[in-house]
PDB file of N, CA and C in Angstrom:
ATOM      1  N   MET A   1       6.182  -0.460 -10.525  1.00  0.00           N
ATOM      2  CA  MET A   1       6.796   0.809 -10.208  1.00  0.00           C
ATOM      3  C   MET A   1       7.743   0.654  -9.013  1.00  0.00           C
ATOM      4  N   LEU A   2       7.340  -0.105  -8.018  1.00  0.00           N
ATOM      5  CA  LEU A   2       8.186  -0.285  -6.840  1.00  0.00           C
ATOM      6  C   LEU A   2       9.477  -1.007  -7.198  1.00  0.00           C
ATOM      7  N   GLU A   3       9.383  -1.986  -8.079  1.00  0.00           N
ATOM      8  CA  GLU A   3      10.587  -2.697  -8.508  1.00  0.00           C
ATOM      9  C   GLU A   3      11.506  -1.767  -9.292  1.00  0.00           C
ATOM     10  N   MET A   4      10.918  -0.918 -10.151  1.00  0.00           N
ATOM     11  CA  MET A   4      11.716   0.028 -10.934  1.00  0.00           C
ATOM     12  C   MET A   4      12.474   0.989 -10.017  1.00  0.00           C
ATOM     13  N   ALA A   5      11.844   1.360  -8.908  1.00  0.00           N
ATOM     14  CA  ALA A   5      12.470   2.263  -7.949  1.00  0.00           C
ATOM     15  C   ALA A   5      13.381   1.518  -6.976  1.00  0.00           C
ATOM     16  N   ALA A   6      13.462   0.211  -7.113  1.00  0.00           N
ATOM     17  CA  ALA A   6      14.289  -0.646  -6.253  1.00  0.00           C
ATOM     18  C   ALA A   6      13.933  -0.463  -4.779  1.00  0.00           C
ATOM     19  N   VAL A   7      12.627  -0.431  -4.487  1.00  0.00           N
ATOM     20  CA  VAL A   7      12.151  -0.296  -3.114  1.00  0.00           C
ATOM     21  C   VAL A   7      12.439  -1.588  -2.362  1.00  0.00           C
ATOM     22  N   GLY A   8      12.930  -1.441  -1.143  1.00  0.00           N
ATOM     23  CA  GLY A   8      13.239  -2.612  -0.336  1.00  0.00           C
ATOM     24  C   GLY A   8      13.462  -2.228   1.110  1.00  0.00           C
ATOM     25  N   PRO A   9      14.054  -3.132   1.875  1.00  0.00           N
ATOM     26  CA  PRO A   9      14.313  -2.862   3.289  1.00  0.00           C
ATOM     27  C   PRO A   9      15.098  -1.557   3.469  1.00  0.00           C
ATOM     28  N   GLY A  10      14.692  -0.790   4.451  1.00  0.00           N
ATOM     29  CA  GLY A  10      15.349   0.485   4.711  1.00  0.00           C
ATOM     30  C   GLY A  10      14.706   1.649   3.993  1.00  0.00           C
ATOM     31  N   ASP A  11      13.792   1.380   3.061  1.00  0.00           N
ATOM     32  CA  ASP A  11      13.097   2.455   2.348  1.00  0.00           C
ATOM     33  C   ASP A  11      11.788   2.799   3.046  1.00  0.00           C
ATOM     34  N   TYR A  12      11.313   4.011   2.786  1.00  0.00           N
ATOM     35  CA  TYR A  12      10.045   4.491   3.338  1.00  0.00           C
ATOM     36  C   TYR A  12       9.199   4.959   2.171  1.00  0.00           C
ATOM     37  N   VAL A  13       8.029   4.364   1.998  1.00  0.00           N
ATOM     38  CA  VAL A  13       7.132   4.708   0.895  1.00  0.00           C
ATOM     39  C   VAL A  13       5.902   5.399   1.463  1.00  0.00           C
ATOM     40  N   MET A  14       5.559   6.552   0.914  1.00  0.00           N
ATOM     41  CA  MET A  14       4.333   7.249   1.284  1.00  0.00           C
ATOM     42  C   MET A  14       3.481   7.372   0.038  1.00  0.00           C
ATOM     43  N   ASP A  15       2.297   6.792   0.074  1.00  0.00           N
ATOM     44  CA  ASP A  15       1.394   6.775  -1.069  1.00  0.00           C
ATOM     45  C   ASP A  15       0.221   7.697  -0.780  1.00  0.00           C
ATOM     46  N   LEU A  16       0.229   8.859  -1.398  1.00  0.00           N
ATOM     47  CA  LEU A  16      -0.864   9.823  -1.246  1.00  0.00           C
ATOM     48  C   LEU A  16      -1.935   9.495  -2.278  1.00  0.00           C
ATOM     49  N   GLY A  17      -3.170   9.365  -1.822  1.00  0.00           N
ATOM     50  CA  GLY A  17      -4.236   8.923  -2.705  1.00  0.00           C
ATOM     51  C   GLY A  17      -4.135   7.427  -2.918  1.00  0.00           C
ATOM     52  N   SER A  18      -3.962   6.699  -1.832  1.00  0.00           N
ATOM     53  CA  SER A  18      -3.631   5.276  -1.897  1.00  0.00           C
ATOM     54  C   SER A  18      -4.810   4.360  -2.203  1.00  0.00           C
ATOM     55  N   ALA A  19      -6.007   4.908  -2.285  1.00  0.00           N
ATOM     56  CA  ALA A  19      -7.211   4.121  -2.588  1.00  0.00           C
ATOM     57  C   ALA A  19      -7.295   2.915  -1.668  1.00  0.00           C
ATOM     58  N   ASP A  20      -7.273   1.701  -2.218  1.00  0.00           N
ATOM     59  CA  ASP A  20      -7.449   0.515  -1.382  1.00  0.00           C
ATOM     60  C   ASP A  20      -6.152  -0.032  -0.809  1.00  0.00           C
ATOM     61  N   GLY A  21      -5.028   0.637  -1.050  1.00  0.00           N
ATOM     62  CA  GLY A  21      -3.786   0.295  -0.384  1.00  0.00           C
ATOM     63  C   GLY A  21      -2.894  -0.720  -1.072  1.00  0.00           C
ATOM     64  N   HIS A  22      -3.163  -1.054  -2.324  1.00  0.00           N
ATOM     65  CA  HIS A  22      -2.348  -2.070  -3.006  1.00  0.00           C
ATOM     66  C   HIS A  22      -0.857  -1.704  -3.031  1.00  0.00           C
ATOM     67  N   THR A  23      -0.543  -0.445  -3.301  1.00  0.00           N
ATOM     68  CA  THR A  23       0.865  -0.041  -3.381  1.00  0.00           C
ATOM     69  C   THR A  23       1.537  -0.133  -2.019  1.00  0.00           C
ATOM     70  N   VAL A  24       0.824   0.264  -0.983  1.00  0.00           N
ATOM     71  CA  VAL A  24       1.367   0.206   0.377  1.00  0.00           C
ATOM     72  C   VAL A  24       1.632  -1.248   0.777  1.00  0.00           C
ATOM     73  N   ILE A  25       0.700  -2.126   0.468  1.00  0.00           N
ATOM     74  CA  ILE A  25       0.868  -3.548   0.788  1.00  0.00           C
ATOM     75  C   ILE A  25       2.057  -4.121   0.031  1.00  0.00           C
ATOM     76  N   ALA A  26       2.161  -3.785  -1.249  1.00  0.00           N
ATOM     77  CA  ALA A  26       3.273  -4.286  -2.068  1.00  0.00           C
ATOM     78  C   ALA A  26       4.616  -3.784  -1.538  1.00  0.00           C
ATOM     79  N   ALA A  27       4.672  -2.517  -1.145  1.00  0.00           N
ATOM     80  CA  ALA A  27       5.914  -1.958  -0.608  1.00  0.00           C
ATOM     81  C   ALA A  27       6.303  -2.665   0.684  1.00  0.00           C
ATOM     82  N   ALA A  28       5.340  -2.914   1.536  1.00  0.00           N
ATOM     83  CA  ALA A  28       5.613  -3.610   2.792  1.00  0.00           C
ATOM     84  C   ALA A  28       6.119  -5.034   2.530  1.00  0.00           C
ATOM     85  N   ARG A  29       5.566  -5.691   1.536  1.00  0.00           N
ATOM     86  CA  ARG A  29       6.023  -7.043   1.197  1.00  0.00           C
ATOM     87  C   ARG A  29       7.459  -7.043   0.693  1.00  0.00           C
ATOM     88  N   LEU A  30       7.885  -5.918   0.135  1.00  0.00           N
ATOM     89  CA  LEU A  30       9.270  -5.784  -0.327  1.00  0.00           C
ATOM     90  C   LEU A  30      10.209  -5.395   0.809  1.00  0.00           C
ATOM     91  N   GLY A  31       9.662  -5.205   2.011  1.00  0.00           N
ATOM     92  CA  GLY A  31      10.483  -4.900   3.173  1.00  0.00           C
ATOM     93  C   GLY A  31      10.549  -3.440   3.549  1.00  0.00           C
ATOM     94  N   ALA A  32       9.861  -2.586   2.801  1.00  0.00           N
ATOM     95  CA  ALA A  32       9.881  -1.150   3.093  1.00  0.00           C
ATOM     96  C   ALA A  32       8.863  -0.812   4.175  1.00  0.00           C
ATOM     97  N   ARG A  33       9.092   0.284   4.849  1.00  0.00           N
ATOM     98  CA  ARG A  33       8.068   0.856   5.722  1.00  0.00           C
ATOM     99  C   ARG A  33       7.153   1.655   4.807  1.00  0.00           C
ATOM    100  N   ALA A  34       5.849   1.528   4.969  1.00  0.00           N
ATOM    101  CA  ALA A  34       4.930   2.166   4.029  1.00  0.00           C
ATOM    102  C   ALA A  34       3.712   2.738   4.738  1.00  0.00           C
ATOM    103  N   VAL A  35       3.275   3.903   4.264  1.00  0.00           N
ATOM    104  CA  VAL A  35       2.090   4.569   4.782  1.00  0.00           C
ATOM    105  C   VAL A  35       1.243   5.011   3.599  1.00  0.00           C
ATOM    106  N   GLY A  36      -0.044   4.758   3.677  1.00  0.00           N
ATOM    107  CA  GLY A  36      -0.961   5.215   2.651  1.00  0.00           C
ATOM    108  C   GLY A  36      -1.951   6.207   3.228  1.00  0.00           C
ATOM    109  N   VAL A  37      -2.283   7.228   2.455  1.00  0.00           N
ATOM    110  CA  VAL A  37      -3.243   8.247   2.878  1.00  0.00           C
ATOM    111  C   VAL A  37      -4.323   8.343   1.814  1.00  0.00           C
ATOM    112  N   GLU A  38      -5.575   8.159   2.223  1.00  0.00           N
ATOM    113  CA  GLU A  38      -6.697   8.302   1.304  1.00  0.00           C
ATOM    114  C   GLU A  38      -7.814   9.029   2.035  1.00  0.00           C
ATOM    115  N   LEU A  39      -8.212  10.174   1.531  1.00  0.00           N
ATOM    116  CA  LEU A  39      -9.251  10.968   2.175  1.00  0.00           C
ATOM    117  C   LEU A  39     -10.658  10.600   1.705  1.00  0.00           C
ATOM    118  N   ASP A  40     -10.784  10.051   0.515  1.00  0.00           N
ATOM    119  CA  ASP A  40     -12.089   9.722  -0.055  1.00  0.00           C
ATOM    120  C   ASP A  40     -12.567   8.357   0.451  1.00  0.00           C
ATOM    121  N   PRO A  41     -13.616   8.335   1.266  1.00  0.00           N
ATOM    122  CA  PRO A  41     -14.096   7.067   1.812  1.00  0.00           C
ATOM    123  C   PRO A  41     -14.496   6.063   0.729  1.00  0.00           C
ATOM    124  N   GLN A  42     -15.006   6.527  -0.382  1.00  0.00           N
ATOM    125  CA  GLN A  42     -15.397   5.613  -1.456  1.00  0.00           C
ATOM    126  C   GLN A  42     -14.178   4.963  -2.096  1.00  0.00           C
ATOM    127  N   ALA A  43     -13.098   5.694  -2.214  1.00  0.00           N
ATOM    128  CA  ALA A  43     -11.887   5.157  -2.838  1.00  0.00           C
ATOM    129  C   ALA A  43     -11.250   4.077  -1.978  1.00  0.00           C
ATOM    130  N   ARG A  44     -11.398   4.177  -0.672  1.00  0.00           N
ATOM    131  CA  ARG A  44     -10.786   3.174   0.205  1.00  0.00           C
ATOM    132  C   ARG A  44     -11.778   2.093   0.617  1.00  0.00           C
ATOM    133  N   GLY A  45     -12.872   2.021  -0.072  1.00  0.00           N
ATOM    134  CA  GLY A  45     -13.931   1.076   0.263  1.00  0.00           C
ATOM    135  C   GLY A  45     -13.502  -0.372   0.284  1.00  0.00           C
ATOM    136  N   GLY A  46     -12.588  -0.787  -0.566  1.00  0.00           N
ATOM    137  CA  GLY A  46     -12.168  -2.182  -0.612  1.00  0.00           C
ATOM    138  C   GLY A  46     -11.077  -2.537   0.363  1.00  0.00           C
ATOM    139  N   LEU A  47     -10.582  -1.566   1.116  1.00  0.00           N
ATOM    140  CA  LEU A  47      -9.454  -1.815   2.013  1.00  0.00           C
ATOM    141  C   LEU A  47      -9.779  -2.861   3.071  1.00  0.00           C
ATOM    142  N   GLN A  48     -10.952  -2.801   3.661  1.00  0.00           N
ATOM    143  CA  GLN A  48     -11.307  -3.780   4.691  1.00  0.00           C
ATOM    144  C   GLN A  48     -11.322  -5.185   4.103  1.00  0.00           C
ATOM    145  N   THR A  49     -11.826  -5.326   2.891  1.00  0.00           N
ATOM    146  CA  THR A  49     -11.850  -6.630   2.240  1.00  0.00           C
ATOM    147  C   THR A  49     -10.437  -7.156   2.036  1.00  0.00           C
ATOM    148  N   ILE A  50      -9.531  -6.292   1.609  1.00  0.00           N
ATOM    149  CA  ILE A  50      -8.144  -6.690   1.401  1.00  0.00           C
ATOM    150  C   ILE A  50      -7.512  -7.104   2.732  1.00  0.00           C
ATOM    151  N   ARG A  51      -7.780  -6.362   3.790  1.00  0.00           N
ATOM    152  CA  ARG A  51      -7.256  -6.726   5.109  1.00  0.00           C
ATOM    153  C   ARG A  51      -7.763  -8.100   5.531  1.00  0.00           C
ATOM    154  N   GLU A  52      -9.054  -8.350   5.294  1.00  0.00           N
ATOM    155  CA  GLU A  52      -9.640  -9.622   5.686  1.00  0.00           C
ATOM    156  C   GLU A  52      -9.009 -10.778   4.932  1.00  0.00           C
ATOM    157  N   ARG A  53      -8.505 -10.526   3.752  1.00  0.00           N
ATOM    158  CA  ARG A  53      -7.843 -11.561   2.944  1.00  0.00           C
ATOM    159  C   ARG A  53      -6.343 -11.650   3.254  1.00  0.00           C
ATOM    160  N   GLY A  54      -5.911 -10.957   4.265  1.00  0.00           N
ATOM    161  CA  GLY A  54      -4.496 -11.006   4.653  1.00  0.00           C
ATOM    162  C   GLY A  54      -3.596 -10.249   3.692  1.00  0.00           C
ATOM    163  N   GLY A  55      -4.119  -9.165   3.093  1.00  0.00           N
ATOM    164  CA  GLY A  55      -3.315  -8.349   2.199  1.00  0.00           C
ATOM    165  C   GLY A  55      -3.315  -8.816   0.757  1.00  0.00           C
ATOM    166  N   ARG A  56      -4.105  -9.797   0.454  1.00  0.00           N
ATOM    167  CA  ARG A  56      -4.189 -10.272  -0.935  1.00  0.00           C
ATOM    168  C   ARG A  56      -5.399  -9.647  -1.590  1.00  0.00           C
ATOM    169  N   GLY A  57      -5.159  -8.868  -2.657  1.00  0.00           N
ATOM    170  CA  GLY A  57      -6.219  -8.132  -3.343  1.00  0.00           C
ATOM    171  C   GLY A  57      -7.168  -8.909  -4.091  1.00  0.00           C
TER     172      GLY A  57
END
């Protein structure tokens, strides 16, 4: 989806309901500024694991 939208440097991506943050991480790797918002603690449960792996899911 990010490639289809041609997301890259200079873009700002906001992912509402971002769960474990895969989209936010992918957008950042493409050079965009990215913010993810997830209110459900269970949905973001894997985020710490992804961080520990250096952003690799």
